[in-house]
PDB file of N, CA and C in Angstrom:
ATOM      1  N   MET A   1      -4.311  16.256  17.334  1.00  0.00           N
ATOM      2  CA  MET A   1      -2.933  16.266  16.937  1.00  0.00           C
ATOM      3  C   MET A   1      -2.249  17.447  17.622  1.00  0.00           C
ATOM      4  N   LYS A   2      -1.032  17.207  18.087  1.00  0.00           N
ATOM      5  CA  LYS A   2      -0.290  18.253  18.781  1.00  0.00           C
ATOM      6  C   LYS A   2       0.241  19.287  17.788  1.00  0.00           C
ATOM      7  N   LYS A   3       0.141  20.550  18.179  1.00  0.00           N
ATOM      8  CA  LYS A   3       0.658  21.627  17.337  1.00  0.00           C
ATOM      9  C   LYS A   3       2.157  21.476  17.113  1.00  0.00           C
ATOM     10  N   SER A   4       2.850  20.889  18.055  1.00  0.00           N
ATOM     11  CA  SER A   4       4.300  20.732  17.929  1.00  0.00           C
ATOM     12  C   SER A   4       4.685  19.795  16.779  1.00  0.00           C
ATOM     13  N   ASN A   5       3.733  19.000  16.298  1.00  0.00           N
ATOM     14  CA  ASN A   5       4.013  18.088  15.189  1.00  0.00           C
ATOM     15  C   ASN A   5       3.806  18.729  13.820  1.00  0.00           C
ATOM     16  N   PHE A   6       3.182  19.912  13.771  1.00  0.00           N
ATOM     17  CA  PHE A   6       2.891  20.547  12.488  1.00  0.00           C
ATOM     18  C   PHE A   6       4.133  20.827  11.647  1.00  0.00           C
ATOM     19  N   PRO A   7       5.224  21.352  12.220  1.00  0.00           N
ATOM     20  CA  PRO A   7       6.396  21.617  11.374  1.00  0.00           C
ATOM     21  C   PRO A   7       6.941  20.358  10.689  1.00  0.00           C
ATOM     22  N   THR A   8       6.971  19.252  11.400  1.00  0.00           N
ATOM     23  CA  THR A   8       7.450  17.999  10.811  1.00  0.00           C
ATOM     24  C   THR A   8       6.496  17.531   9.721  1.00  0.00           C
ATOM     25  N   LEU A   9       5.223  17.635   9.979  1.00  0.00           N
ATOM     26  CA  LEU A   9       4.227  17.245   8.990  1.00  0.00           C
ATOM     27  C   LEU A   9       4.334  18.121   7.743  1.00  0.00           C
ATOM     28  N   GLN A  10       4.594  19.405   7.933  1.00  0.00           N
ATOM     29  CA  GLN A  10       4.739  20.322   6.796  1.00  0.00           C
ATOM     30  C   GLN A  10       5.972  19.967   5.963  1.00  0.00           C
ATOM     31  N   ILE A  11       7.047  19.592   6.610  1.00  0.00           N
ATOM     32  CA  ILE A  11       8.256  19.187   5.882  1.00  0.00           C
ATOM     33  C   ILE A  11       7.961  17.958   5.018  1.00  0.00           C
ATOM     34  N   ILE A  12       7.291  16.978   5.604  1.00  0.00           N
ATOM     35  CA  ILE A  12       6.947  15.758   4.861  1.00  0.00           C
ATOM     36  C   ILE A  12       6.023  16.105   3.691  1.00  0.00           C
ATOM     37  N   ALA A  13       5.026  16.939   3.945  1.00  0.00           N
ATOM     38  CA  ALA A  13       4.094  17.339   2.889  1.00  0.00           C
ATOM     39  C   ALA A  13       4.841  18.046   1.758  1.00  0.00           C
ATOM     40  N   ASN A  14       5.769  18.922   2.089  1.00  0.00           N
ATOM     41  CA  ASN A  14       6.520  19.647   1.064  1.00  0.00           C
ATOM     42  C   ASN A  14       7.367  18.711   0.211  1.00  0.00           C
ATOM     43  N   VAL A  15       7.998  17.736   0.837  1.00  0.00           N
ATOM     44  CA  VAL A  15       8.812  16.780   0.077  1.00  0.00           C
ATOM     45  C   VAL A  15       7.935  15.976  -0.873  1.00  0.00           C
ATOM     46  N   VAL A  16       6.808  15.489  -0.385  1.00  0.00           N
ATOM     47  CA  VAL A  16       5.919  14.682  -1.225  1.00  0.00           C
ATOM     48  C   VAL A  16       5.346  15.533  -2.363  1.00  0.00           C
ATOM     49  N   LYS A  17       4.969  16.765  -2.070  1.00  0.00           N
ATOM     50  CA  LYS A  17       4.436  17.648  -3.116  1.00  0.00           C
ATOM     51  C   LYS A  17       5.506  17.964  -4.157  1.00  0.00           C
ATOM     52  N   THR A  18       6.721  18.192  -3.713  1.00  0.00           N
ATOM     53  CA  THR A  18       7.795  18.583  -4.620  1.00  0.00           C
ATOM     54  C   THR A  18       8.204  17.444  -5.536  1.00  0.00           C
ATOM     55  N   TYR A  19       8.362  16.256  -4.975  1.00  0.00           N
ATOM     56  CA  TYR A  19       8.893  15.149  -5.761  1.00  0.00           C
ATOM     57  C   TYR A  19       7.807  14.209  -6.272  1.00  0.00           C
ATOM     58  N   GLY A  20       6.719  14.066  -5.537  1.00  0.00           N
ATOM     59  CA  GLY A  20       5.569  13.309  -6.001  1.00  0.00           C
ATOM     60  C   GLY A  20       5.808  11.849  -6.319  1.00  0.00           C
ATOM     61  N   LYS A  21       6.944  11.311  -5.960  1.00  0.00           N
ATOM     62  CA  LYS A  21       7.237   9.917  -6.289  1.00  0.00           C
ATOM     63  C   LYS A  21       7.233   9.043  -5.038  1.00  0.00           C
ATOM     64  N   THR A  22       6.375   9.413  -4.107  1.00  0.00           N
ATOM     65  CA  THR A  22       6.243   8.639  -2.875  1.00  0.00           C
ATOM     66  C   THR A  22       4.772   8.551  -2.493  1.00  0.00           C
ATOM     67  N   THR A  23       4.464   7.543  -1.732  1.00  0.00           N
ATOM     68  CA  THR A  23       3.148   7.452  -1.108  1.00  0.00           C
ATOM     69  C   THR A  23       3.357   7.467   0.403  1.00  0.00           C
ATOM     70  N   ILE A  24       2.338   7.872   1.111  1.00  0.00           N
ATOM     71  CA  ILE A  24       2.388   7.898   2.571  1.00  0.00           C
ATOM     72  C   ILE A  24       1.273   7.018   3.098  1.00  0.00           C
ATOM     73  N   THR A  25       1.631   6.101   3.977  1.00  0.00           N
ATOM     74  CA  THR A  25       0.635   5.307   4.693  1.00  0.00           C
ATOM     75  C   THR A  25       0.640   5.802   6.132  1.00  0.00           C
ATOM     76  N   VAL A  26      -0.501   6.278   6.586  1.00  0.00           N
ATOM     77  CA  VAL A  26      -0.647   6.797   7.943  1.00  0.00           C
ATOM     78  C   VAL A  26      -1.331   5.722   8.776  1.00  0.00           C
ATOM     79  N   VAL A  27      -0.692   5.337   9.879  1.00  0.00           N
ATOM     80  CA  VAL A  27      -1.228   4.284  10.740  1.00  0.00           C
ATOM     81  C   VAL A  27      -1.468   4.871  12.131  1.00  0.00           C
ATOM     82  N   GLY A  28      -2.720   4.851  12.561  1.00  0.00           N
ATOM     83  CA  GLY A  28      -3.073   5.329  13.890  1.00  0.00           C
ATOM     84  C   GLY A  28      -3.078   4.184  14.891  1.00  0.00           C
ATOM     85  N   HIS A  29      -2.675   4.506  16.115  1.00  0.00           N
ATOM     86  CA  HIS A  29      -2.640   3.512  17.188  1.00  0.00           C
ATOM     87  C   HIS A  29      -3.555   3.967  18.324  1.00  0.00           C
ATOM     88  N   PRO A  30      -4.127   3.020  19.055  1.00  0.00           N
ATOM     89  CA  PRO A  30      -5.097   3.368  20.105  1.00  0.00           C
ATOM     90  C   PRO A  30      -4.437   3.657  21.446  1.00  0.00           C
ATOM     91  N   ASP A  31      -5.279   4.053  22.392  1.00  0.00           N
ATOM     92  CA  ASP A  31      -4.901   4.133  23.791  1.00  0.00           C
ATOM     93  C   ASP A  31      -5.182   2.763  24.410  1.00  0.00           C
ATOM     94  N   PRO A  32      -4.684   2.499  25.621  1.00  0.00           N
ATOM     95  CA  PRO A  32      -4.881   1.163  26.202  1.00  0.00           C
ATOM     96  C   PRO A  32      -6.298   0.851  26.649  1.00  0.00           C
ATOM     97  N   GLY A  33      -7.103   1.842  26.962  1.00  0.00           N
ATOM     98  CA  GLY A  33      -8.437   1.572  27.502  1.00  0.00           C
ATOM     99  C   GLY A  33      -9.495   1.407  26.434  1.00  0.00           C
ATOM    100  N   GLY A  34     -10.677   1.049  26.880  1.00  0.00           N
ATOM    101  CA  GLY A  34     -11.828   0.955  25.994  1.00  0.00           C
ATOM    102  C   GLY A  34     -12.022  -0.417  25.408  1.00  0.00           C
ATOM    103  N   THR A  35     -13.132  -0.546  24.713  1.00  0.00           N
ATOM    104  CA  THR A  35     -13.449  -1.813  24.062  1.00  0.00           C
ATOM    105  C   THR A  35     -12.673  -1.920  22.756  1.00  0.00           C
ATOM    106  N   ALA A  36     -12.714  -3.078  22.148  1.00  0.00           N
ATOM    107  CA  ALA A  36     -12.036  -3.283  20.867  1.00  0.00           C
ATOM    108  C   ALA A  36     -12.581  -2.329  19.810  1.00  0.00           C
ATOM    109  N   ILE A  37     -13.891  -2.120  19.817  1.00  0.00           N
ATOM    110  CA  ILE A  37     -14.507  -1.204  18.843  1.00  0.00           C
ATOM    111  C   ILE A  37     -14.069   0.232  19.105  1.00  0.00           C
ATOM    112  N   GLU A  38     -14.020   0.639  20.362  1.00  0.00           N
ATOM    113  CA  GLU A  38     -13.575   1.995  20.701  1.00  0.00           C
ATOM    114  C   GLU A  38     -12.113   2.207  20.313  1.00  0.00           C
ATOM    115  N   ARG A  39     -11.270   1.203  20.564  1.00  0.00           N
ATOM    116  CA  ARG A  39      -9.850   1.315  20.172  1.00  0.00           C
ATOM    117  C   ARG A  39      -9.713   1.410  18.661  1.00  0.00           C
ATOM    118  N   ALA A  40     -10.507   0.629  17.932  1.00  0.00           N
ATOM    119  CA  ALA A  40     -10.462   0.665  16.466  1.00  0.00           C
ATOM    120  C   ALA A  40     -10.906   2.034  15.959  1.00  0.00           C
ATOM    121  N   ASN A  41     -11.991   2.561  16.514  1.00  0.00           N
ATOM    122  CA  ASN A  41     -12.470   3.882  16.093  1.00  0.00           C
ATOM    123  C   ASN A  41     -11.441   4.969  16.365  1.00  0.00           C
ATOM    124  N   LEU A  42     -10.841   4.931  17.534  1.00  0.00           N
ATOM    125  CA  LEU A  42      -9.846   5.933  17.905  1.00  0.00           C
ATOM    126  C   LEU A  42      -8.620   5.850  16.996  1.00  0.00           C
ATOM    127  N   ALA A  43      -8.143   4.645  16.743  1.00  0.00           N
ATOM    128  CA  ALA A  43      -6.984   4.467  15.871  1.00  0.00           C
ATOM    129  C   ALA A  43      -7.278   4.987  14.463  1.00  0.00           C
ATOM    130  N   ASN A  44      -8.473   4.694  13.952  1.00  0.00           N
ATOM    131  CA  ASN A  44      -8.862   5.180  12.628  1.00  0.00           C
ATOM    132  C   ASN A  44      -8.999   6.700  12.606  1.00  0.00           C
ATOM    133  N   GLN A  45      -9.567   7.271  13.643  1.00  0.00           N
ATOM    134  CA  GLN A  45      -9.733   8.723  13.710  1.00  0.00           C
ATOM    135  C   GLN A  45      -8.381   9.427  13.731  1.00  0.00           C
ATOM    136  N   ARG A  46      -7.434   8.867  14.445  1.00  0.00           N
ATOM    137  CA  ARG A  46      -6.101   9.477  14.494  1.00  0.00           C
ATOM    138  C   ARG A  46      -5.436   9.454  13.124  1.00  0.00           C
ATOM    139  N   ALA A  47      -5.526   8.320  12.450  1.00  0.00           N
ATOM    140  CA  ALA A  47      -4.926   8.215  11.116  1.00  0.00           C
ATOM    141  C   ALA A  47      -5.622   9.167  10.145  1.00  0.00           C
ATOM    142  N   GLU A  48      -6.929   9.254  10.217  1.00  0.00           N
ATOM    143  CA  GLU A  48      -7.690  10.131   9.321  1.00  0.00           C
ATOM    144  C   GLU A  48      -7.362  11.604   9.582  1.00  0.00           C
ATOM    145  N   ALA A  49      -7.161  11.976  10.844  1.00  0.00           N
ATOM    146  CA  ALA A  49      -6.821  13.371  11.167  1.00  0.00           C
ATOM    147  C   ALA A  49      -5.490  13.765  10.526  1.00  0.00           C
ATOM    148  N   VAL A  50      -4.508  12.888  10.572  1.00  0.00           N
ATOM    149  CA  VAL A  50      -3.213  13.188   9.962  1.00  0.00           C
ATOM    150  C   VAL A  50      -3.353  13.225   8.442  1.00  0.00           C
ATOM    151  N   ARG A  51      -4.103  12.300   7.875  1.00  0.00           N
ATOM    152  CA  ARG A  51      -4.330  12.300   6.426  1.00  0.00           C
ATOM    153  C   ARG A  51      -4.975  13.618   5.996  1.00  0.00           C
ATOM    154  N   ASN A  52      -5.972  14.068   6.744  1.00  0.00           N
ATOM    155  CA  ASN A  52      -6.639  15.329   6.420  1.00  0.00           C
ATOM    156  C   ASN A  52      -5.678  16.509   6.487  1.00  0.00           C
ATOM    157  N   MET A  53      -4.809  16.521   7.489  1.00  0.00           N
ATOM    158  CA  MET A  53      -3.828  17.609   7.601  1.00  0.00           C
ATOM    159  C   MET A  53      -2.876  17.607   6.404  1.00  0.00           C
ATOM    160  N   LEU A  54      -2.433  16.431   5.986  1.00  0.00           N
ATOM    161  CA  LEU A  54      -1.553  16.353   4.825  1.00  0.00           C
ATOM    162  C   LEU A  54      -2.250  16.880   3.573  1.00  0.00           C
ATOM    163  N   MET A  55      -3.530  16.577   3.431  1.00  0.00           N
ATOM    164  CA  MET A  55      -4.279  17.069   2.275  1.00  0.00           C
ATOM    165  C   MET A  55      -4.440  18.589   2.343  1.00  0.00           C
ATOM    166  N   VAL A  56      -4.703  19.136   3.537  1.00  0.00           N
ATOM    167  CA  VAL A  56      -4.800  20.585   3.711  1.00  0.00           C
ATOM    168  C   VAL A  56      -3.468  21.239   3.332  1.00  0.00           C
ATOM    169  N   MET A  57      -2.370  20.540   3.584  1.00  0.00           N
ATOM    170  CA  MET A  57      -1.046  21.053   3.261  1.00  0.00           C
ATOM    171  C   MET A  57      -0.681  20.846   1.787  1.00  0.00           C
ATOM    172  N   GLY A  58      -1.623  20.298   1.020  1.00  0.00           N
ATOM    173  CA  GLY A  58      -1.431  20.214  -0.418  1.00  0.00           C
ATOM    174  C   GLY A  58      -0.995  18.877  -0.978  1.00  0.00           C
ATOM    175  N   VAL A  59      -0.915  17.848  -0.158  1.00  0.00           N
ATOM    176  CA  VAL A  59      -0.551  16.527  -0.666  1.00  0.00           C
ATOM    177  C   VAL A  59      -1.770  15.936  -1.381  1.00  0.00           C
ATOM    178  N   PRO A  60      -1.610  15.473  -2.612  1.00  0.00           N
ATOM    179  CA  PRO A  60      -2.739  14.874  -3.329  1.00  0.00           C
ATOM    180  C   PRO A  60      -3.291  13.653  -2.573  1.00  0.00           C
ATOM    181  N   PRO A  61      -4.606  13.574  -2.439  1.00  0.00           N
ATOM    182  CA  PRO A  61      -5.211  12.464  -1.689  1.00  0.00           C
ATOM    183  C   PRO A  61      -4.821  11.086  -2.206  1.00  0.00           C
ATOM    184  N   ILE A  62      -4.568  10.983  -3.491  1.00  0.00           N
ATOM    185  CA  ILE A  62      -4.223   9.680  -4.062  1.00  0.00           C
ATOM    186  C   ILE A  62      -2.891   9.147  -3.522  1.00  0.00           C
ATOM    187  N   LEU A  63      -2.075  10.028  -2.956  1.00  0.00           N
ATOM    188  CA  LEU A  63      -0.769   9.607  -2.436  1.00  0.00           C
ATOM    189  C   LEU A  63      -0.801   9.240  -0.957  1.00  0.00           C
ATOM    190  N   ILE A  64      -1.981   9.351  -0.322  1.00  0.00           N
ATOM    191  CA  ILE A  64      -2.069   9.109   1.126  1.00  0.00           C
ATOM    192  C   ILE A  64      -3.086   8.014   1.410  1.00  0.00           C
ATOM    193  N   MET A  65      -2.639   6.976   2.090  1.00  0.00           N
ATOM    194  CA  MET A  65      -3.544   5.935   2.577  1.00  0.00           C
ATOM    195  C   MET A  65      -3.534   6.001   4.095  1.00  0.00           C
ATOM    196  N   ASN A  66      -4.621   5.643   4.716  1.00  0.00           N
ATOM    197  CA  ASN A  66      -4.641   5.648   6.171  1.00  0.00           C
ATOM    198  C   ASN A  66      -5.410   4.450   6.702  1.00  0.00           C
ATOM    199  N   SER A  67      -5.002   4.032   7.879  1.00  0.00           N
ATOM    200  CA  SER A  67      -5.703   2.952   8.560  1.00  0.00           C
ATOM    201  C   SER A  67      -5.371   3.011  10.041  1.00  0.00           C
ATOM    202  N   GLY A  68      -6.242   2.454  10.821  1.00  0.00           N
ATOM    203  CA  GLY A  68      -5.994   2.326  12.246  1.00  0.00           C
ATOM    204  C   GLY A  68      -5.549   0.902  12.549  1.00  0.00           C
ATOM    205  N   ASP A  69      -4.765   0.759  13.581  1.00  0.00           N
ATOM    206  CA  ASP A  69      -4.306  -0.557  14.000  1.00  0.00           C
ATOM    207  C   ASP A  69      -4.754  -0.796  15.444  1.00  0.00           C
ATOM    208  N   PRO A  70      -6.006  -1.236  15.628  1.00  0.00           N
ATOM    209  CA  PRO A  70      -6.530  -1.393  16.986  1.00  0.00           C
ATOM    210  C   PRO A  70      -5.835  -2.493  17.780  1.00  0.00           C
ATOM    211  N   ASN A  71      -5.137  -3.392  17.108  1.00  0.00           N
ATOM    212  CA  ASN A  71      -4.445  -4.484  17.797  1.00  0.00           C
ATOM    213  C   ASN A  71      -2.963  -4.202  17.990  1.00  0.00           C
ATOM    214  N   SER A  72      -2.596  -2.961  17.817  1.00  0.00           N
ATOM    215  CA  SER A  72      -1.201  -2.554  17.928  1.00  0.00           C
ATOM    216  C   SER A  72      -0.648  -2.831  19.319  1.00  0.00           C
ATOM    217  N   SER A  73       0.636  -3.123  19.362  1.00  0.00           N
ATOM    218  CA  SER A  73       1.291  -3.251  20.665  1.00  0.00           C
ATOM    219  C   SER A  73       1.654  -1.870  21.212  1.00  0.00           C
ATOM    220  N   TYR A  74       1.541  -0.828  20.361  1.00  0.00           N
ATOM    221  CA  TYR A  74       1.741   0.546  20.806  1.00  0.00           C
ATOM    222  C   TYR A  74       0.393   1.080  21.279  1.00  0.00           C
ATOM    223  N   LEU A  75       0.241   1.237  22.561  1.00  0.00           N
ATOM    224  CA  LEU A  75      -1.026   1.714  23.121  1.00  0.00           C
ATOM    225  C   LEU A  75      -0.823   3.092  23.726  1.00  0.00           C
ATOM    226  N   ASP A  76      -0.177   3.960  22.969  1.00  0.00           N
ATOM    227  CA  ASP A  76       0.124   5.293  23.478  1.00  0.00           C
ATOM    228  C   ASP A  76      -0.422   6.397  22.579  1.00  0.00           C
ATOM    229  N   GLY A  77      -1.288   6.037  21.640  1.00  0.00           N
ATOM    230  CA  GLY A  77      -1.922   7.039  20.807  1.00  0.00           C
ATOM    231  C   GLY A  77      -1.058   7.604  19.704  1.00  0.00           C
ATOM    232  N   ARG A  78       0.035   6.965  19.397  1.00  0.00           N
ATOM    233  CA  ARG A  78       0.915   7.489  18.354  1.00  0.00           C
ATOM    234  C   ARG A  78       0.321   7.302  16.967  1.00  0.00           C
ATOM    235  N   VAL A  79       0.854   8.055  16.040  1.00  0.00           N
ATOM    236  CA  VAL A  79       0.528   7.909  14.632  1.00  0.00           C
ATOM    237  C   VAL A  79       1.849   7.759  13.891  1.00  0.00           C
ATOM    238  N   GLU A  80       1.939   6.723  13.086  1.00  0.00           N
ATOM    239  CA  GLU A  80       3.145   6.492  12.295  1.00  0.00           C
ATOM    240  C   GLU A  80       2.863   6.814  10.838  1.00  0.00           C
ATOM    241  N   MET A  81       3.911   7.233  10.145  1.00  0.00           N
ATOM    242  CA  MET A  81       3.808   7.435   8.707  1.00  0.00           C
ATOM    243  C   MET A  81       4.891   6.599   8.040  1.00  0.00           C
ATOM    244  N   VAL A  82       4.468   5.807   7.071  1.00  0.00           N
ATOM    245  CA  VAL A  82       5.401   4.998   6.298  1.00  0.00           C
ATOM    246  C   VAL A  82       5.453   5.647   4.919  1.00  0.00           C
ATOM    247  N   ILE A  83       6.636   6.097   4.546  1.00  0.00           N
ATOM    248  CA  ILE A  83       6.819   6.773   3.264  1.00  0.00           C
ATOM    249  C   ILE A  83       7.502   5.786   2.324  1.00  0.00           C
ATOM    250  N   THR A  84       6.837   5.518   1.209  1.00  0.00           N
ATOM    251  CA  THR A  84       7.298   4.497   0.271  1.00  0.00           C
ATOM    252  C   THR A  84       7.515   5.113  -1.095  1.00  0.00           C
ATOM    253  N   PRO A  85       8.698   4.867  -1.697  1.00  0.00           N
ATOM    254  CA  PRO A  85       8.905   5.381  -3.054  1.00  0.00           C
ATOM    255  C   PRO A  85       8.024   4.660  -4.048  1.00  0.00           C
ATOM    256  N   ILE A  86       7.553   5.386  -5.039  1.00  0.00           N
ATOM    257  CA  ILE A  86       6.791   4.785  -6.130  1.00  0.00           C
ATOM    258  C   ILE A  86       7.810   4.309  -7.159  1.00  0.00           C
ATOM    259  N   THR A  87       7.790   3.018  -7.421  1.00  0.00           N
ATOM    260  CA  THR A  87       8.725   2.478  -8.406  1.00  0.00           C
ATOM    261  C   THR A  87       8.001   2.252  -9.713  1.00  0.00           C
ATOM    262  N   SER A  88       8.669   2.571 -10.781  1.00  0.00           N
ATOM    263  CA  SER A  88       8.063   2.312 -12.087  1.00  0.00           C
ATOM    264  C   SER A  88       8.383   0.892 -12.492  1.00  0.00           C
ATOM    265  N   GLY A  89       7.449   0.269 -13.110  1.00  0.00           N
ATOM    266  CA  GLY A  89       7.739  -1.110 -13.486  1.00  0.00           C
ATOM    267  C   GLY A  89       6.634  -1.803 -14.101  1.00  0.00           C
TER     268      GLY A  89
END
């Protein structure tokens, strides 16, 4: 993970810690090369690395889900975060 992304990640972690009414889904994407298994492993590792950083920053693990998307059309190694409000009901 790039150091330049830490400030943004810290902001997201602080909001989730402060309000606690959201969940974060972290989705890792692969690079274009390699086998299907290698792309899946890489995508999962990227998502897990971001999840671990969020936990180090104090976000409760129960609020963070992660997965890799080896079949993604994004083959540039990005990691996306989907922030979803927790609705009572």
